[in-house]
């Protein structure tokens, strides 16, 4: 197989984009499980909303994986279904966050609204403006997803600290991604 057969539109750059999307999707899907636990810890209760947040984040990740696995030049309609589902799940998550996790800081709800607006703006630049292709829209949407995830993890950490301060105990690690390494290396 020649490198020109690997990627979107040929060339190694298309292959690299697809593999980046697949690996990013695996990361995001994995974060869904951690997000659910961290959300329950931050709010002090298990709820249907926290389960939905975890499921939606995992669904976004799975959609990313399949978007990267199905090349647009091989099965355009299927690639676009997976890419569109990634964006739709993300918008549902952001728009529904006030109902899924009302106890989170107001700032994450504002960031969520901003990400939905930015995603709609990116969509309009693809269709009807045609400023870039669907791949450009995917790049933008993935960027918004990672910006939102960063803000979401920070909001979880802040909510967890606030909850710990309210009950008068140490907050421990801010979230599952920031636990300090214990002990010395090799001990």
C-alpha atoms as a PDB file:
ATOM      1  CA  UNK A   1       0.000   0.000   0.000  1.00  0.00           C
ATOM      2  CA  UNK A   2       1.287   3.421  -0.915  1.00  0.00           C
ATOM      3  CA  UNK A   3       0.981   6.415   1.446  1.00  0.00           C
ATOM      4  CA  UNK A   4      -1.311   8.165  -1.032  1.00  0.00           C
ATOM      5  CA  UNK A   5      -3.898   5.422  -0.386  1.00  0.00           C
ATOM      6  CA  UNK A   6      -3.970   5.972   3.374  1.00  0.00           C
ATOM      7  CA  UNK A   7      -5.475   9.358   4.063  1.00  0.00           C
ATOM      8  CA  UNK A   8      -8.271  11.726   3.230  1.00  0.00           C
ATOM      9  CA  UNK A   9      -7.656  12.955  -0.257  1.00  0.00           C
ATOM     10  CA  UNK A  10      -4.403  10.974  -0.319  1.00  0.00           C
ATOM     11  CA  UNK A  11      -1.157  11.545   1.453  1.00  0.00           C
ATOM     12  CA  UNK A  12       0.166  10.971   4.902  1.00  0.00           C
ATOM     13  CA  UNK A  13      -1.453  14.145   6.266  1.00  0.00           C
ATOM     14  CA  UNK A  14      -4.942  12.671   5.812  1.00  0.00           C
ATOM     15  CA  UNK A  15      -3.848   9.464   7.503  1.00  0.00           C
ATOM     16  CA  UNK A  16      -2.355  11.452  10.392  1.00  0.00           C
ATOM     17  CA  UNK A  17      -5.596  13.423  10.801  1.00  0.00           C
ATOM     18  CA  UNK A  18      -7.637  10.209  10.864  1.00  0.00           C
ATOM     19  CA  UNK A  19      -5.358   8.584  13.434  1.00  0.00           C
ATOM     20  CA  UNK A  20      -5.373  11.741  15.553  1.00  0.00           C
ATOM     21  CA  UNK A  21      -9.168  11.681  15.505  1.00  0.00           C
ATOM     22  CA  UNK A  22      -9.233   7.995  16.475  1.00  0.00           C
ATOM     23  CA  UNK A  23      -6.799   8.466  19.372  1.00  0.00           C
ATOM     24  CA  UNK A  24      -8.558  11.645  20.518  1.00  0.00           C
ATOM     25  CA  UNK A  25     -11.851   9.760  20.469  1.00  0.00           C
ATOM     26  CA  UNK A  26     -10.438   7.000  22.655  1.00  0.00           C
ATOM     27  CA  UNK A  27      -9.216   9.653  25.105  1.00  0.00           C
ATOM     28  CA  UNK A  28     -12.573  11.451  25.180  1.00  0.00           C
ATOM     29  CA  UNK A  29     -14.544   8.200  25.569  1.00  0.00           C
ATOM     30  CA  UNK A  30     -12.320   7.216  28.491  1.00  0.00           C
ATOM     31  CA  UNK A  31     -12.835  10.623  30.065  1.00  0.00           C
ATOM     32  CA  UNK A  32     -16.591   9.994  30.037  1.00  0.00           C
ATOM     33  CA  UNK A  33     -16.275   7.364  32.751  1.00  0.00           C
ATOM     34  CA  UNK A  34     -14.041   9.578  34.875  1.00  0.00           C
ATOM     35  CA  UNK A  35     -16.266  12.614  34.346  1.00  0.00           C
ATOM     36  CA  UNK A  36     -19.270  10.778  35.738  1.00  0.00           C
ATOM     37  CA  UNK A  37     -17.419   9.805  38.921  1.00  0.00           C
ATOM     38  CA  UNK A  38     -15.881  13.237  39.331  1.00  0.00           C
ATOM     39  CA  UNK A  39     -19.248  14.922  38.805  1.00  0.00           C
ATOM     40  CA  UNK A  40     -20.850  12.718  41.447  1.00  0.00           C
ATOM     41  CA  UNK A  41     -17.985  13.504  43.827  1.00  0.00           C
ATOM     42  CA  UNK A  42     -18.192  17.241  43.107  1.00  0.00           C
ATOM     43  CA  UNK A  43     -21.944  17.438  43.619  1.00  0.00           C
ATOM     44  CA  UNK A  44     -22.098  14.940  46.457  1.00  0.00           C
ATOM     45  CA  UNK A  45     -24.670  12.695  44.855  1.00  0.00           C
ATOM     46  CA  UNK A  46     -25.173  10.163  42.115  1.00  0.00           C
ATOM     47  CA  UNK A  47     -27.863  11.235  39.709  1.00  0.00           C
ATOM     48  CA  UNK A  48     -29.381  10.525  36.360  1.00  0.00           C
ATOM     49  CA  UNK A  49     -27.778  13.766  35.166  1.00  0.00           C
ATOM     50  CA  UNK A  50     -24.254  12.631  36.035  1.00  0.00           C
ATOM     51  CA  UNK A  51     -24.876   9.348  34.226  1.00  0.00           C
ATOM     52  CA  UNK A  52     -26.038  11.264  31.154  1.00  0.00           C
ATOM     53  CA  UNK A  53     -22.983  13.514  31.227  1.00  0.00           C
ATOM     54  CA  UNK A  54     -20.720  10.452  31.305  1.00  0.00           C
ATOM     55  CA  UNK A  55     -22.669   8.741  28.530  1.00  0.00           C
ATOM     56  CA  UNK A  56     -22.702  11.798  26.301  1.00  0.00           C
ATOM     57  CA  UNK A  57     -18.963  12.382  26.699  1.00  0.00           C
ATOM     58  CA  UNK A  58     -18.325   8.707  25.949  1.00  0.00           C
ATOM     59  CA  UNK A  59     -20.649   8.938  22.929  1.00  0.00           C
ATOM     60  CA  UNK A  60     -18.735  11.944  21.631  1.00  0.00           C
ATOM     61  CA  UNK A  61     -15.523   9.944  21.927  1.00  0.00           C
ATOM     62  CA  UNK A  62     -16.971   6.903  20.146  1.00  0.00           C
ATOM     63  CA  UNK A  63     -18.268   9.160  17.357  1.00  0.00           C
ATOM     64  CA  UNK A  64     -14.780  10.662  17.036  1.00  0.00           C
ATOM     65  CA  UNK A  65     -13.256   7.191  16.730  1.00  0.00           C
ATOM     66  CA  UNK A  66     -15.651   6.135  13.979  1.00  0.00           C
ATOM     67  CA  UNK A  67     -15.283   9.472  12.195  1.00  0.00           C
ATOM     68  CA  UNK A  68     -11.548   8.822  12.043  1.00  0.00           C
ATOM     69  CA  UNK A  69     -11.919   5.181  11.014  1.00  0.00           C
ATOM     70  CA  UNK A  70     -14.319   5.845   8.124  1.00  0.00           C
ATOM     71  CA  UNK A  71     -12.456   7.846   5.508  1.00  0.00           C
ATOM     72  CA  UNK A  72     -14.469  10.544   3.788  1.00  0.00           C
ATOM     73  CA  UNK A  73     -13.141   9.541   0.359  1.00  0.00           C
ATOM     74  CA  UNK A  74     -14.321   5.936   0.877  1.00  0.00           C
ATOM     75  CA  UNK A  75     -17.773   6.404   2.473  1.00  0.00           C
ATOM     76  CA  UNK A  76     -18.591  10.108   2.589  1.00  0.00           C
ATOM     77  CA  UNK A  77     -22.156   9.702   3.883  1.00  0.00           C
ATOM     78  CA  UNK A  78     -21.082   7.396   6.733  1.00  0.00           C
ATOM     79  CA  UNK A  79     -18.149   9.635   7.677  1.00  0.00           C
ATOM     80  CA  UNK A  80     -20.504  12.605   7.784  1.00  0.00           C
ATOM     81  CA  UNK A  81     -23.038  10.672   9.916  1.00  0.00           C
ATOM     82  CA  UNK A  82     -20.360   9.926  12.518  1.00  0.00           C
ATOM     83  CA  UNK A  83     -18.939  13.459  12.394  1.00  0.00           C
ATOM     84  CA  UNK A  84     -22.403  14.975  12.675  1.00  0.00           C
ATOM     85  CA  UNK A  85     -23.300  12.692  15.585  1.00  0.00           C
ATOM     86  CA  UNK A  86     -20.152  13.859  17.397  1.00  0.00           C
ATOM     87  CA  UNK A  87     -21.247  17.473  16.997  1.00  0.00           C
ATOM     88  CA  UNK A  88     -24.883  16.767  17.866  1.00  0.00           C
ATOM     89  CA  UNK A  89     -23.960  14.876  21.057  1.00  0.00           C
ATOM     90  CA  UNK A  90     -21.634  17.713  22.047  1.00  0.00           C
ATOM     91  CA  UNK A  91     -24.340  20.333  21.540  1.00  0.00           C
ATOM     92  CA  UNK A  92     -26.868  18.237  23.501  1.00  0.00           C
ATOM     93  CA  UNK A  93     -24.341  17.894  26.333  1.00  0.00           C
ATOM     94  CA  UNK A  94     -23.572  21.613  26.420  1.00  0.00           C
ATOM     95  CA  UNK A  95     -27.186  22.730  26.084  1.00  0.00           C
ATOM     96  CA  UNK A  96     -28.391  20.175  28.658  1.00  0.00           C
ATOM     97  CA  UNK A  97     -25.671  20.729  31.233  1.00  0.00           C
ATOM     98  CA  UNK A  98     -27.772  23.104  33.387  1.00  0.00           C
ATOM     99  CA  UNK A  99     -30.281  20.252  33.810  1.00  0.00           C
ATOM    100  CA  UNK A 100     -27.737  17.424  33.985  1.00  0.00           C
ATOM    101  CA  UNK A 101     -25.480  19.174  36.517  1.00  0.00           C
ATOM    102  CA  UNK A 102     -27.165  22.261  37.974  1.00  0.00           C
ATOM    103  CA  UNK A 103     -24.794  22.381  40.964  1.00  0.00           C
ATOM    104  CA  UNK A 104     -21.734  23.150  38.869  1.00  0.00           C
ATOM    105  CA  UNK A 105     -20.316  26.704  38.832  1.00  0.00           C
ATOM    106  CA  UNK A 106     -22.144  29.142  36.596  1.00  0.00           C
ATOM    107  CA  UNK A 107     -18.964  29.673  34.569  1.00  0.00           C
ATOM    108  CA  UNK A 108     -19.130  26.178  33.015  1.00  0.00           C
ATOM    109  CA  UNK A 109     -22.702  26.788  31.937  1.00  0.00           C
ATOM    110  CA  UNK A 110     -21.611  30.046  30.266  1.00  0.00           C
ATOM    111  CA  UNK A 111     -18.697  28.257  28.562  1.00  0.00           C
ATOM    112  CA  UNK A 112     -21.145  25.571  27.401  1.00  0.00           C
ATOM    113  CA  UNK A 113     -23.406  28.177  25.824  1.00  0.00           C
ATOM    114  CA  UNK A 114     -20.391  29.810  24.177  1.00  0.00           C
ATOM    115  CA  UNK A 115     -19.307  26.448  22.735  1.00  0.00           C
ATOM    116  CA  UNK A 116     -22.752  25.802  21.255  1.00  0.00           C
ATOM    117  CA  UNK A 117     -22.731  29.277  19.681  1.00  0.00           C
ATOM    118  CA  UNK A 118     -19.171  28.738  18.370  1.00  0.00           C
ATOM    119  CA  UNK A 119     -20.146  25.338  16.939  1.00  0.00           C
ATOM    120  CA  UNK A 120     -23.141  26.860  15.166  1.00  0.00           C
ATOM    121  CA  UNK A 121     -20.836  29.574  13.822  1.00  0.00           C
ATOM    122  CA  UNK A 122     -18.412  26.937  12.530  1.00  0.00           C
ATOM    123  CA  UNK A 123     -21.332  25.052  10.968  1.00  0.00           C
ATOM    124  CA  UNK A 124     -22.460  28.195   9.162  1.00  0.00           C
ATOM    125  CA  UNK A 125     -18.937  28.725   7.840  1.00  0.00           C
ATOM    126  CA  UNK A 126     -19.142  25.250   6.302  1.00  0.00           C
ATOM    127  CA  UNK A 127     -22.758  25.447   5.104  1.00  0.00           C
ATOM    128  CA  UNK A 128     -23.950  27.805   3.569  1.00  0.00           C
ATOM    129  CA  UNK A 129     -20.852  30.052   3.410  1.00  0.00           C
ATOM    130  CA  UNK A 130     -18.535  27.245   2.171  1.00  0.00           C
ATOM    131  CA  UNK A 131     -15.500  28.907   3.742  1.00  0.00           C
ATOM    132  CA  UNK A 132     -14.056  25.450   4.385  1.00  0.00           C
ATOM    133  CA  UNK A 133     -14.942  21.791   3.892  1.00  0.00           C
ATOM    134  CA  UNK A 134     -16.613  19.358   6.285  1.00  0.00           C
ATOM    135  CA  UNK A 135     -13.120  18.408   7.456  1.00  0.00           C
ATOM    136  CA  UNK A 136     -12.527  22.027   8.484  1.00  0.00           C
ATOM    137  CA  UNK A 137     -15.789  21.939  10.409  1.00  0.00           C
ATOM    138  CA  UNK A 138     -14.644  18.709  12.113  1.00  0.00           C
ATOM    139  CA  UNK A 139     -11.367  20.376  13.116  1.00  0.00           C
ATOM    140  CA  UNK A 140     -13.252  23.309  14.615  1.00  0.00           C
ATOM    141  CA  UNK A 141     -15.755  21.069  16.441  1.00  0.00           C
ATOM    142  CA  UNK A 142     -12.986  18.895  17.900  1.00  0.00           C
ATOM    143  CA  UNK A 143     -11.209  22.023  19.083  1.00  0.00           C
ATOM    144  CA  UNK A 144     -14.369  23.251  20.793  1.00  0.00           C
ATOM    145  CA  UNK A 145     -14.841  19.847  22.416  1.00  0.00           C
ATOM    146  CA  UNK A 146     -11.357  19.925  23.925  1.00  0.00           C
ATOM    147  CA  UNK A 147     -11.725  23.535  25.066  1.00  0.00           C
ATOM    148  CA  UNK A 148     -15.008  22.603  26.752  1.00  0.00           C
ATOM    149  CA  UNK A 149     -13.509  19.476  28.354  1.00  0.00           C
ATOM    150  CA  UNK A 150     -10.697  21.569  29.824  1.00  0.00           C
ATOM    151  CA  UNK A 151     -13.183  24.050  31.292  1.00  0.00           C
ATOM    152  CA  UNK A 152     -15.420  21.199  32.508  1.00  0.00           C
ATOM    153  CA  UNK A 153     -12.572  19.473  34.342  1.00  0.00           C
ATOM    154  CA  UNK A 154     -11.672  22.797  35.968  1.00  0.00           C
ATOM    155  CA  UNK A 155     -15.310  23.384  36.975  1.00  0.00           C
ATOM    156  CA  UNK A 156     -15.460  19.913  38.526  1.00  0.00           C
ATOM    157  CA  UNK A 157     -12.315  20.646  40.520  1.00  0.00           C
ATOM    158  CA  UNK A 158     -13.737  23.960  41.739  1.00  0.00           C
ATOM    159  CA  UNK A 159     -17.072  22.379  42.700  1.00  0.00           C
ATOM    160  CA  UNK A 160     -15.314  19.575  44.532  1.00  0.00           C
ATOM    161  CA  UNK A 161     -13.173  22.041  46.487  1.00  0.00           C
ATOM    162  CA  UNK A 162     -16.195  24.194  47.325  1.00  0.00           C
ATOM    163  CA  UNK A 163     -18.085  21.145  48.549  1.00  0.00           C
ATOM    164  CA  UNK A 164     -15.151  20.005  50.683  1.00  0.00           C
ATOM    165  CA  UNK A 165     -14.744  23.510  52.145  1.00  0.00           C
ATOM    166  CA  UNK A 166     -18.454  23.629  52.968  1.00  0.00           C
ATOM    167  CA  UNK A 167     -18.281  20.446  55.029  1.00  0.00           C
ATOM    168  CA  UNK A 168     -14.944  21.456  56.579  1.00  0.00           C
ATOM    169  CA  UNK A 169     -12.658  18.700  55.339  1.00  0.00           C
ATOM    170  CA  UNK A 170      -9.668  18.558  53.009  1.00  0.00           C
ATOM    171  CA  UNK A 171     -10.658  18.375  49.370  1.00  0.00           C
ATOM    172  CA  UNK A 172      -8.004  15.870  48.280  1.00  0.00           C
ATOM    173  CA  UNK A 173      -7.003  15.768  44.652  1.00  0.00           C
ATOM    174  CA  UNK A 174      -8.940  18.176  42.463  1.00  0.00           C
ATOM    175  CA  UNK A 175     -10.125  15.461  40.099  1.00  0.00           C
ATOM    176  CA  UNK A 176      -9.188  12.059  38.741  1.00  0.00           C
ATOM    177  CA  UNK A 177      -6.691  13.574  36.327  1.00  0.00           C
ATOM    178  CA  UNK A 178      -4.731  15.549  38.929  1.00  0.00           C
ATOM    179  CA  UNK A 179      -4.057  13.010  41.677  1.00  0.00           C
ATOM    180  CA  UNK A 180      -0.488  13.432  42.932  1.00  0.00           C
ATOM    181  CA  UNK A 181       1.914  10.562  42.523  1.00  0.00           C
ATOM    182  CA  UNK A 182       2.509   8.992  45.897  1.00  0.00           C
ATOM    183  CA  UNK A 183       5.942   8.120  47.236  1.00  0.00           C
ATOM    184  CA  UNK A 184       9.278   7.973  45.502  1.00  0.00           C
ATOM    185  CA  UNK A 185       9.896   6.520  42.117  1.00  0.00           C
ATOM    186  CA  UNK A 186      10.880   2.892  42.504  1.00  0.00           C
ATOM    187  CA  UNK A 187       9.767   2.560  46.122  1.00  0.00           C
END
